[in-house]
N, C-alpha and C. Protein backbone atom coordinates (compact mmCIF):
# COMPACT_ATOMS: atom_id res chain seq x y z
N MET A 1 -13.16 21.24 -37.78
CA MET A 1 -12.67 22.31 -38.56
C MET A 1 -11.49 21.79 -39.35
N GLY A 2 -10.95 22.64 -40.19
CA GLY A 2 -9.93 22.18 -41.10
C GLY A 2 -8.52 22.28 -40.56
N ALA A 3 -8.33 22.66 -39.33
CA ALA A 3 -6.98 22.86 -38.81
C ALA A 3 -6.55 21.66 -37.98
N THR A 4 -5.33 21.27 -38.17
CA THR A 4 -4.74 20.22 -37.36
C THR A 4 -3.60 20.84 -36.58
N ARG A 5 -3.57 20.58 -35.28
CA ARG A 5 -2.52 21.18 -34.45
C ARG A 5 -1.61 20.09 -33.93
N ARG A 6 -0.34 20.35 -33.97
CA ARG A 6 0.67 19.45 -33.41
C ARG A 6 1.51 20.24 -32.43
N ARG A 7 1.83 19.62 -31.31
CA ARG A 7 2.70 20.27 -30.34
C ARG A 7 3.75 19.28 -29.90
N ARG A 8 4.91 19.80 -29.62
CA ARG A 8 5.95 18.95 -29.05
C ARG A 8 5.69 18.84 -27.57
N THR A 9 5.41 17.64 -27.09
CA THR A 9 5.07 17.46 -25.68
C THR A 9 6.19 16.75 -24.91
N VAL A 10 7.32 16.54 -25.55
CA VAL A 10 8.42 15.85 -24.86
C VAL A 10 8.87 16.60 -23.61
N PRO A 11 9.12 17.93 -23.66
CA PRO A 11 9.52 18.61 -22.43
C PRO A 11 8.47 18.51 -21.33
N ARG A 12 7.19 18.61 -21.70
CA ARG A 12 6.13 18.52 -20.71
C ARG A 12 6.08 17.12 -20.11
N ALA A 13 6.17 16.10 -20.96
CA ALA A 13 6.14 14.72 -20.46
C ALA A 13 7.33 14.44 -19.56
N THR A 14 8.49 14.96 -19.92
CA THR A 14 9.68 14.78 -19.10
C THR A 14 9.50 15.45 -17.75
N ALA A 15 8.94 16.64 -17.73
CA ALA A 15 8.72 17.35 -16.47
C ALA A 15 7.73 16.60 -15.59
N VAL A 16 6.66 16.06 -16.19
CA VAL A 16 5.67 15.31 -15.42
C VAL A 16 6.30 14.05 -14.85
N LEU A 17 7.09 13.33 -15.67
CA LEU A 17 7.76 12.12 -15.20
C LEU A 17 8.71 12.43 -14.05
N ALA A 18 9.48 13.50 -14.17
CA ALA A 18 10.40 13.89 -13.10
C ALA A 18 9.64 14.19 -11.81
N LEU A 19 8.51 14.88 -11.93
CA LEU A 19 7.70 15.20 -10.76
C LEU A 19 7.18 13.94 -10.10
N VAL A 20 6.73 12.98 -10.89
CA VAL A 20 6.22 11.72 -10.34
C VAL A 20 7.33 10.96 -9.62
N VAL A 21 8.53 10.92 -10.22
CA VAL A 21 9.65 10.21 -9.59
C VAL A 21 10.03 10.87 -8.27
N VAL A 22 10.12 12.21 -8.26
CA VAL A 22 10.48 12.91 -7.02
C VAL A 22 9.41 12.72 -5.96
N ALA A 23 8.14 12.80 -6.34
CA ALA A 23 7.05 12.61 -5.37
C ALA A 23 7.05 11.19 -4.84
N GLY A 24 7.27 10.23 -5.72
CA GLY A 24 7.33 8.83 -5.28
C GLY A 24 8.50 8.60 -4.34
N GLY A 25 9.65 9.18 -4.68
CA GLY A 25 10.82 9.05 -3.80
C GLY A 25 10.59 9.69 -2.45
N ALA A 26 9.92 10.84 -2.44
CA ALA A 26 9.61 11.50 -1.17
C ALA A 26 8.65 10.66 -0.33
N ALA A 27 7.66 10.06 -0.98
CA ALA A 27 6.72 9.22 -0.25
C ALA A 27 7.42 8.01 0.35
N VAL A 28 8.33 7.39 -0.41
CA VAL A 28 9.05 6.23 0.10
C VAL A 28 9.99 6.65 1.23
N ALA A 29 10.65 7.80 1.06
CA ALA A 29 11.60 8.24 2.07
C ALA A 29 10.93 8.58 3.39
N CYS A 30 9.65 8.94 3.36
CA CYS A 30 8.94 9.33 4.57
C CYS A 30 8.27 8.17 5.28
N ARG A 31 8.41 6.96 4.76
CA ARG A 31 7.77 5.81 5.38
C ARG A 31 8.39 5.56 6.76
N PRO A 32 7.57 5.33 7.81
CA PRO A 32 8.11 5.16 9.15
C PRO A 32 9.01 3.94 9.27
N GLU A 33 8.70 2.85 8.56
CA GLU A 33 9.53 1.66 8.69
C GLU A 33 10.76 1.71 7.80
N GLY A 34 10.82 2.67 6.87
CA GLY A 34 12.01 2.92 6.09
C GLY A 34 12.30 1.93 4.98
N LEU A 35 11.42 0.96 4.72
CA LEU A 35 11.69 -0.02 3.68
C LEU A 35 10.52 -0.01 2.70
N GLY A 36 10.70 0.65 1.59
CA GLY A 36 9.65 0.75 0.60
C GLY A 36 9.88 -0.25 -0.52
N SER A 37 8.80 -0.79 -1.07
CA SER A 37 8.93 -1.79 -2.13
C SER A 37 9.60 -1.20 -3.37
N ALA A 38 9.35 0.07 -3.69
CA ALA A 38 9.99 0.69 -4.85
C ALA A 38 11.49 0.87 -4.61
N THR A 39 11.87 1.26 -3.40
CA THR A 39 13.28 1.41 -3.07
C THR A 39 13.99 0.07 -3.15
N VAL A 40 13.35 -0.97 -2.63
CA VAL A 40 13.94 -2.31 -2.67
C VAL A 40 14.10 -2.78 -4.12
N ALA A 41 13.09 -2.57 -4.95
CA ALA A 41 13.17 -2.99 -6.35
C ALA A 41 14.30 -2.25 -7.07
N TYR A 42 14.37 -0.94 -6.89
CA TYR A 42 15.42 -0.14 -7.52
C TYR A 42 16.81 -0.57 -7.07
N THR A 43 16.98 -0.73 -5.77
CA THR A 43 18.29 -1.07 -5.22
C THR A 43 18.68 -2.50 -5.60
N THR A 44 17.73 -3.42 -5.60
CA THR A 44 18.03 -4.79 -6.01
C THR A 44 18.46 -4.81 -7.47
N ASP A 45 17.79 -4.04 -8.31
CA ASP A 45 18.15 -3.95 -9.73
C ASP A 45 19.60 -3.52 -9.87
N ARG A 46 19.96 -2.44 -9.19
CA ARG A 46 21.34 -1.91 -9.29
C ARG A 46 22.38 -2.88 -8.75
N THR A 47 22.14 -3.40 -7.54
CA THR A 47 23.15 -4.25 -6.91
C THR A 47 23.22 -5.62 -7.56
N ALA A 48 22.11 -6.18 -8.00
CA ALA A 48 22.12 -7.49 -8.67
C ALA A 48 22.84 -7.38 -10.01
N THR A 49 22.61 -6.30 -10.74
CA THR A 49 23.31 -6.10 -12.01
C THR A 49 24.81 -6.05 -11.78
N ALA A 50 25.24 -5.29 -10.78
CA ALA A 50 26.67 -5.20 -10.46
C ALA A 50 27.24 -6.55 -10.05
N ALA A 51 26.48 -7.32 -9.23
CA ALA A 51 26.96 -8.63 -8.78
C ALA A 51 27.05 -9.62 -9.94
N LEU A 52 26.08 -9.59 -10.84
CA LEU A 52 26.12 -10.48 -12.00
C LEU A 52 27.30 -10.13 -12.91
N GLU A 53 27.50 -8.84 -13.14
CA GLU A 53 28.62 -8.43 -14.00
C GLU A 53 29.96 -8.76 -13.36
N ALA A 54 30.04 -8.71 -12.03
CA ALA A 54 31.27 -9.10 -11.34
C ALA A 54 31.56 -10.61 -11.50
N ARG A 55 30.50 -11.36 -11.77
CA ARG A 55 30.63 -12.81 -12.00
C ARG A 55 30.66 -13.12 -13.50
N HIS A 56 31.03 -12.12 -14.30
CA HIS A 56 31.23 -12.25 -15.75
C HIS A 56 29.95 -12.61 -16.51
N VAL A 57 28.81 -12.12 -16.02
CA VAL A 57 27.56 -12.24 -16.75
C VAL A 57 27.34 -10.90 -17.44
N ASP A 58 27.23 -10.92 -18.75
CA ASP A 58 27.08 -9.71 -19.55
C ASP A 58 25.60 -9.33 -19.59
N VAL A 59 25.15 -8.52 -18.61
CA VAL A 59 23.74 -8.18 -18.46
C VAL A 59 23.31 -7.23 -19.58
N GLY A 60 22.29 -7.62 -20.32
CA GLY A 60 21.71 -6.75 -21.34
C GLY A 60 20.71 -5.80 -20.70
N TRP A 61 19.80 -6.36 -19.92
CA TRP A 61 18.83 -5.56 -19.17
C TRP A 61 18.31 -6.38 -18.00
N LEU A 62 17.86 -5.68 -16.98
CA LEU A 62 17.29 -6.31 -15.79
C LEU A 62 16.29 -5.33 -15.20
N THR A 63 15.11 -5.83 -14.85
CA THR A 63 14.11 -4.98 -14.22
C THR A 63 13.52 -5.74 -13.04
N CYS A 64 13.31 -5.03 -11.93
CA CYS A 64 12.84 -5.67 -10.70
C CYS A 64 11.54 -5.04 -10.22
N THR A 65 10.73 -5.85 -9.57
CA THR A 65 9.54 -5.37 -8.89
C THR A 65 9.60 -5.84 -7.45
N GLY A 66 8.95 -5.10 -6.57
CA GLY A 66 8.91 -5.46 -5.17
C GLY A 66 7.50 -5.37 -4.64
N SER A 67 7.15 -6.28 -3.73
CA SER A 67 5.84 -6.22 -3.08
C SER A 67 6.01 -6.69 -1.64
N TYR A 68 5.16 -6.16 -0.78
CA TYR A 68 5.26 -6.51 0.62
C TYR A 68 4.83 -7.95 0.84
N ASP A 69 5.63 -8.66 1.62
CA ASP A 69 5.35 -10.05 1.96
C ASP A 69 4.61 -10.05 3.29
N ASP A 70 3.67 -11.00 3.45
CA ASP A 70 2.91 -11.05 4.70
C ASP A 70 3.64 -11.85 5.79
N GLY A 71 4.86 -12.32 5.49
CA GLY A 71 5.66 -12.98 6.52
C GLY A 71 5.39 -14.45 6.69
N ASP A 72 4.51 -15.05 5.85
CA ASP A 72 4.24 -16.48 6.03
C ASP A 72 5.23 -17.35 5.26
N GLY A 73 6.16 -16.71 4.52
CA GLY A 73 7.21 -17.45 3.85
C GLY A 73 6.85 -17.97 2.48
N ASP A 74 5.58 -17.82 2.04
CA ASP A 74 5.23 -18.35 0.73
C ASP A 74 5.45 -17.34 -0.39
N GLY A 75 5.85 -16.11 -0.03
CA GLY A 75 6.13 -15.09 -1.03
C GLY A 75 4.89 -14.45 -1.61
N GLY A 76 3.73 -14.89 -1.19
CA GLY A 76 2.49 -14.36 -1.75
C GLY A 76 1.83 -13.39 -0.81
N GLY A 77 2.46 -12.28 -0.56
CA GLY A 77 1.91 -11.30 0.38
C GLY A 77 0.75 -10.54 -0.21
N THR A 78 0.22 -9.68 0.59
CA THR A 78 -0.94 -8.89 0.18
C THR A 78 -0.53 -7.74 -0.73
N GLY A 79 0.74 -7.35 -0.68
CA GLY A 79 1.20 -6.22 -1.48
C GLY A 79 0.96 -4.89 -0.81
N ARG A 80 0.18 -4.86 0.28
CA ARG A 80 -0.11 -3.62 0.99
C ARG A 80 1.03 -3.29 1.95
N SER A 81 1.13 -2.01 2.28
CA SER A 81 2.13 -1.57 3.23
C SER A 81 1.86 -2.18 4.60
N PRO A 82 2.91 -2.67 5.27
CA PRO A 82 2.72 -3.23 6.61
C PRO A 82 2.53 -2.14 7.63
N SER A 83 2.04 -2.55 8.81
CA SER A 83 1.91 -1.57 9.89
C SER A 83 3.30 -1.21 10.38
N PRO A 84 3.46 -0.03 11.01
CA PRO A 84 4.79 0.37 11.49
C PRO A 84 5.38 -0.58 12.51
N THR A 85 4.56 -1.41 13.17
CA THR A 85 5.09 -2.32 14.18
C THR A 85 5.50 -3.66 13.58
N ALA A 86 5.12 -3.94 12.34
CA ALA A 86 5.43 -5.22 11.71
C ALA A 86 6.86 -5.23 11.19
N THR A 87 7.46 -6.42 11.15
CA THR A 87 8.75 -6.57 10.52
C THR A 87 8.51 -6.52 9.02
N THR A 88 9.23 -5.64 8.36
CA THR A 88 8.99 -5.44 6.93
C THR A 88 9.82 -6.40 6.12
N VAL A 89 9.15 -7.13 5.24
CA VAL A 89 9.80 -8.01 4.30
C VAL A 89 9.24 -7.68 2.92
N VAL A 90 10.13 -7.42 1.98
CA VAL A 90 9.70 -7.13 0.61
C VAL A 90 10.18 -8.27 -0.27
N SER A 91 9.24 -8.88 -0.99
CA SER A 91 9.58 -9.91 -1.98
C SER A 91 10.00 -9.20 -3.25
N VAL A 92 11.12 -9.64 -3.83
CA VAL A 92 11.58 -9.06 -5.09
C VAL A 92 11.58 -10.11 -6.18
N ASP A 93 11.26 -9.65 -7.37
CA ASP A 93 11.23 -10.52 -8.54
C ASP A 93 11.83 -9.74 -9.69
N CYS A 94 12.99 -10.18 -10.17
CA CYS A 94 13.68 -9.49 -11.26
C CYS A 94 13.75 -10.41 -12.46
N ARG A 95 13.55 -9.82 -13.62
CA ARG A 95 13.62 -10.54 -14.88
C ARG A 95 14.50 -9.75 -15.84
N GLY A 96 15.24 -10.46 -16.69
CA GLY A 96 16.07 -9.78 -17.66
C GLY A 96 16.70 -10.74 -18.64
N GLU A 97 17.65 -10.20 -19.40
CA GLU A 97 18.38 -10.99 -20.39
C GLU A 97 19.84 -10.57 -20.41
N THR A 98 20.67 -11.53 -20.80
CA THR A 98 22.07 -11.22 -21.05
C THR A 98 22.19 -10.61 -22.44
N GLN A 99 23.37 -10.12 -22.77
CA GLN A 99 23.59 -9.56 -24.11
C GLN A 99 23.35 -10.62 -25.19
N ASP A 100 23.63 -11.89 -24.87
CA ASP A 100 23.39 -12.95 -25.86
C ASP A 100 22.03 -13.64 -25.67
N ARG A 101 21.08 -12.93 -25.04
CA ARG A 101 19.66 -13.28 -24.93
C ARG A 101 19.36 -14.48 -24.05
N ARG A 102 20.22 -14.78 -23.06
CA ARG A 102 19.90 -15.81 -22.08
C ARG A 102 19.05 -15.18 -20.98
N LYS A 103 18.13 -15.96 -20.43
CA LYS A 103 17.17 -15.48 -19.43
C LYS A 103 17.86 -15.31 -18.05
N ILE A 104 17.60 -14.15 -17.41
CA ILE A 104 18.11 -13.87 -16.06
C ILE A 104 16.92 -13.75 -15.12
N THR A 105 17.02 -14.39 -13.94
CA THR A 105 16.04 -14.18 -12.87
C THR A 105 16.79 -13.93 -11.57
N VAL A 106 16.28 -13.00 -10.79
CA VAL A 106 16.77 -12.76 -9.43
C VAL A 106 15.53 -12.67 -8.57
N THR A 107 15.44 -13.55 -7.56
CA THR A 107 14.27 -13.57 -6.70
C THR A 107 14.70 -13.67 -5.24
N GLY A 108 13.79 -13.30 -4.35
CA GLY A 108 14.08 -13.45 -2.94
C GLY A 108 13.28 -12.49 -2.08
N HIS A 109 13.74 -12.38 -0.83
CA HIS A 109 13.09 -11.53 0.17
C HIS A 109 14.13 -10.59 0.74
N VAL A 110 13.76 -9.32 0.90
CA VAL A 110 14.67 -8.30 1.41
C VAL A 110 14.12 -7.76 2.71
N THR A 111 15.00 -7.65 3.72
CA THR A 111 14.61 -7.13 5.03
C THR A 111 15.27 -5.78 5.33
N ARG A 112 16.28 -5.40 4.54
CA ARG A 112 16.96 -4.12 4.75
C ARG A 112 17.46 -3.62 3.41
N ALA A 113 17.38 -2.30 3.20
CA ALA A 113 17.90 -1.70 1.98
C ALA A 113 18.44 -0.31 2.28
N VAL A 114 19.56 0.02 1.67
CA VAL A 114 20.08 1.38 1.66
C VAL A 114 19.97 1.83 0.22
N ASP A 115 19.16 2.85 -0.01
CA ASP A 115 18.78 3.30 -1.35
C ASP A 115 19.96 3.34 -2.32
N GLY A 116 19.92 2.45 -3.29
CA GLY A 116 20.93 2.42 -4.34
C GLY A 116 22.24 1.77 -3.95
N ALA A 117 22.43 1.41 -2.67
CA ALA A 117 23.73 0.90 -2.25
C ALA A 117 23.72 -0.57 -1.84
N CYS A 118 22.68 -1.03 -1.12
CA CYS A 118 22.71 -2.43 -0.68
C CYS A 118 21.32 -2.94 -0.34
N VAL A 119 21.19 -4.26 -0.40
CA VAL A 119 20.00 -4.95 0.09
C VAL A 119 20.47 -6.13 0.92
N ARG A 120 19.71 -6.45 1.97
CA ARG A 120 20.01 -7.61 2.82
C ARG A 120 18.76 -8.47 2.89
N GLY A 121 18.96 -9.77 2.90
CA GLY A 121 17.86 -10.71 2.96
C GLY A 121 18.30 -12.06 2.41
N ASP A 122 17.53 -12.62 1.49
CA ASP A 122 17.84 -13.91 0.88
C ASP A 122 17.56 -13.79 -0.61
N LEU A 123 18.61 -13.77 -1.43
CA LEU A 123 18.47 -13.54 -2.87
C LEU A 123 19.17 -14.61 -3.68
N THR A 124 18.52 -15.03 -4.76
CA THR A 124 19.08 -16.04 -5.65
C THR A 124 19.00 -15.53 -7.08
N ALA A 125 20.11 -15.68 -7.81
CA ALA A 125 20.14 -15.29 -9.22
C ALA A 125 20.44 -16.52 -10.07
N GLU A 126 19.72 -16.61 -11.20
CA GLU A 126 19.95 -17.69 -12.15
C GLU A 126 20.05 -17.12 -13.55
N VAL A 127 20.90 -17.73 -14.36
CA VAL A 127 21.02 -17.38 -15.77
C VAL A 127 20.78 -18.67 -16.55
N ASP A 128 19.71 -18.67 -17.34
CA ASP A 128 19.28 -19.85 -18.10
C ASP A 128 19.15 -21.08 -17.21
N GLY A 129 18.59 -20.88 -16.02
CA GLY A 129 18.34 -21.99 -15.10
C GLY A 129 19.54 -22.41 -14.27
N ARG A 130 20.71 -21.83 -14.51
CA ARG A 130 21.93 -22.17 -13.74
C ARG A 130 22.12 -21.11 -12.65
N ARG A 131 22.24 -21.58 -11.40
CA ARG A 131 22.41 -20.65 -10.27
C ARG A 131 23.76 -19.95 -10.38
N VAL A 132 23.71 -18.61 -10.32
CA VAL A 132 24.91 -17.81 -10.37
C VAL A 132 25.32 -17.40 -8.96
N PHE A 133 24.32 -17.05 -8.13
CA PHE A 133 24.60 -16.78 -6.72
C PHE A 133 23.36 -16.96 -5.87
N HIS A 134 23.59 -17.28 -4.59
CA HIS A 134 22.56 -17.33 -3.55
C HIS A 134 23.21 -16.65 -2.35
N VAL A 135 22.75 -15.43 -2.04
CA VAL A 135 23.44 -14.60 -1.05
C VAL A 135 22.47 -14.05 -0.01
N SER A 136 23.05 -13.59 1.10
CA SER A 136 22.24 -12.94 2.13
C SER A 136 22.28 -11.42 1.99
N GLY A 137 22.98 -10.93 0.99
CA GLY A 137 22.99 -9.50 0.75
C GLY A 137 23.82 -9.14 -0.45
N LEU A 138 23.52 -7.98 -0.99
CA LEU A 138 24.25 -7.44 -2.15
C LEU A 138 24.59 -5.99 -1.87
N GLY A 139 25.77 -5.56 -2.30
CA GLY A 139 26.14 -4.16 -2.18
C GLY A 139 26.85 -3.85 -0.87
N ASP A 140 27.06 -2.55 -0.65
CA ASP A 140 27.79 -2.05 0.51
C ASP A 140 26.84 -1.26 1.41
N CYS A 141 26.40 -1.88 2.51
CA CYS A 141 25.48 -1.21 3.43
C CYS A 141 26.17 -0.17 4.31
N GLU A 142 27.47 -0.11 4.26
CA GLU A 142 28.20 0.92 5.01
C GLU A 142 28.31 2.21 4.21
N ALA A 143 27.89 2.16 2.96
CA ALA A 143 27.96 3.35 2.10
C ALA A 143 27.03 4.42 2.64
N THR A 144 27.45 5.64 2.52
CA THR A 144 26.58 6.74 2.94
C THR A 144 25.57 6.99 1.84
N GLN A 145 24.36 7.13 2.24
CA GLN A 145 23.29 7.33 1.29
C GLN A 145 23.32 8.76 0.79
N GLY A 146 23.43 8.92 -0.52
CA GLY A 146 23.45 10.24 -1.12
C GLY A 146 22.04 10.64 -1.55
N PRO A 147 21.89 11.89 -1.92
CA PRO A 147 20.58 12.32 -2.39
C PRO A 147 20.22 11.66 -3.71
N THR A 148 18.94 11.32 -3.88
CA THR A 148 18.51 10.70 -5.12
C THR A 148 18.22 11.76 -6.19
N TYR A 149 18.07 13.02 -5.79
CA TYR A 149 17.84 14.10 -6.75
C TYR A 149 18.91 15.16 -6.55
N ARG A 150 19.56 15.51 -7.62
CA ARG A 150 20.55 16.59 -7.56
C ARG A 150 20.08 17.71 -8.47
N PRO A 151 19.80 18.88 -7.90
CA PRO A 151 19.35 19.98 -8.75
C PRO A 151 20.45 20.42 -9.71
N PRO A 152 20.08 20.95 -10.86
CA PRO A 152 21.09 21.40 -11.81
C PRO A 152 21.91 22.54 -11.21
N THR A 153 23.17 22.57 -11.58
CA THR A 153 24.06 23.60 -11.03
C THR A 153 24.51 24.53 -12.14
N GLY A 154 24.95 25.68 -11.73
CA GLY A 154 25.57 26.61 -12.66
C GLY A 154 24.61 27.54 -13.37
N GLY A 155 24.56 28.75 -12.91
CA GLY A 155 23.84 29.79 -13.63
C GLY A 155 22.34 29.78 -13.43
N ARG A 156 21.73 30.64 -14.22
CA ARG A 156 20.29 30.82 -14.13
C ARG A 156 19.58 29.80 -15.01
N PRO A 157 18.35 29.50 -14.68
CA PRO A 157 17.59 28.59 -15.54
C PRO A 157 17.36 29.20 -16.91
N GLN A 158 17.38 28.37 -17.92
CA GLN A 158 17.16 28.82 -19.28
C GLN A 158 15.72 28.51 -19.70
N PRO A 159 15.14 29.34 -20.54
CA PRO A 159 13.77 29.08 -20.99
C PRO A 159 13.72 27.85 -21.89
N THR A 160 12.57 27.19 -21.88
CA THR A 160 12.34 26.06 -22.74
C THR A 160 11.55 26.52 -23.94
N VAL A 161 11.94 26.08 -25.12
CA VAL A 161 11.27 26.48 -26.34
C VAL A 161 10.27 25.39 -26.72
N THR A 162 9.03 25.80 -26.94
CA THR A 162 7.99 24.89 -27.41
C THR A 162 7.55 25.36 -28.78
N VAL A 163 7.51 24.45 -29.75
CA VAL A 163 7.13 24.80 -31.11
C VAL A 163 5.75 24.23 -31.39
N THR A 164 4.84 25.09 -31.86
CA THR A 164 3.51 24.65 -32.26
C THR A 164 3.39 24.84 -33.77
N VAL A 165 3.02 23.78 -34.46
CA VAL A 165 2.87 23.84 -35.91
C VAL A 165 1.39 23.69 -36.23
N THR A 166 0.84 24.64 -36.96
CA THR A 166 -0.56 24.59 -37.38
C THR A 166 -0.59 24.42 -38.89
N ARG A 167 -1.38 23.46 -39.33
CA ARG A 167 -1.47 23.20 -40.76
C ARG A 167 -2.94 23.16 -41.15
N THR A 168 -3.32 23.89 -42.17
CA THR A 168 -4.69 23.89 -42.66
C THR A 168 -4.74 23.00 -43.89
N VAL A 169 -5.69 22.09 -43.91
CA VAL A 169 -5.83 21.15 -45.00
C VAL A 169 -7.13 21.47 -45.73
N TRP A 170 -7.04 21.77 -47.06
CA TRP A 170 -8.22 22.04 -47.88
C TRP A 170 -8.23 21.08 -49.04
N PRO A 171 -9.24 20.60 -49.54
CA PRO A 171 -10.59 20.70 -49.02
C PRO A 171 -10.79 19.71 -47.89
N VAL A 172 -11.74 19.96 -47.01
CA VAL A 172 -12.05 19.09 -45.90
C VAL A 172 -12.91 17.94 -46.43
N PRO A 173 -12.46 16.68 -46.27
CA PRO A 173 -13.25 15.55 -46.77
C PRO A 173 -14.63 15.50 -46.11
N GLY A 174 -15.67 15.24 -46.92
CA GLY A 174 -17.02 15.10 -46.40
C GLY A 174 -17.76 16.41 -46.24
N LYS A 175 -17.18 17.52 -46.63
CA LYS A 175 -17.85 18.83 -46.49
C LYS A 175 -18.21 19.37 -47.84
């Protein structure tokens, strides 16, 4: 037909993304062994960035991934969740750049994490191939873990406005 419809989907996409993040966080928080690969990746990203900046590395961006290690030491685990009786080891691999575009890598194995506050294990960071640190932990594990989601405060919820624009185009090509 001759009508083209456009809708602003940013609020909807934002709501879906928020729901996915909250659901993912809830799934990780409910794990019996308490060490989720997503939590480790997130916490390593935060603490490694802080540690690099404390060592005068001007971090432009850093992103980390985590996968379960099978414990054989080669870092090539299955990626599947371990059984509740297994010792949990998460391999982390972080890649990034400094503000002046030098390559950053942070790699290692994590055996303990406090969401957003600390990781413990064996971690090495390099900037352009030069070792910046090799540590057994980053961050403050004595920190109290706060909630990862804080609901909005103050007053009643406000309605969201969605604008739909309909445009009719004449003549329709090919008709």
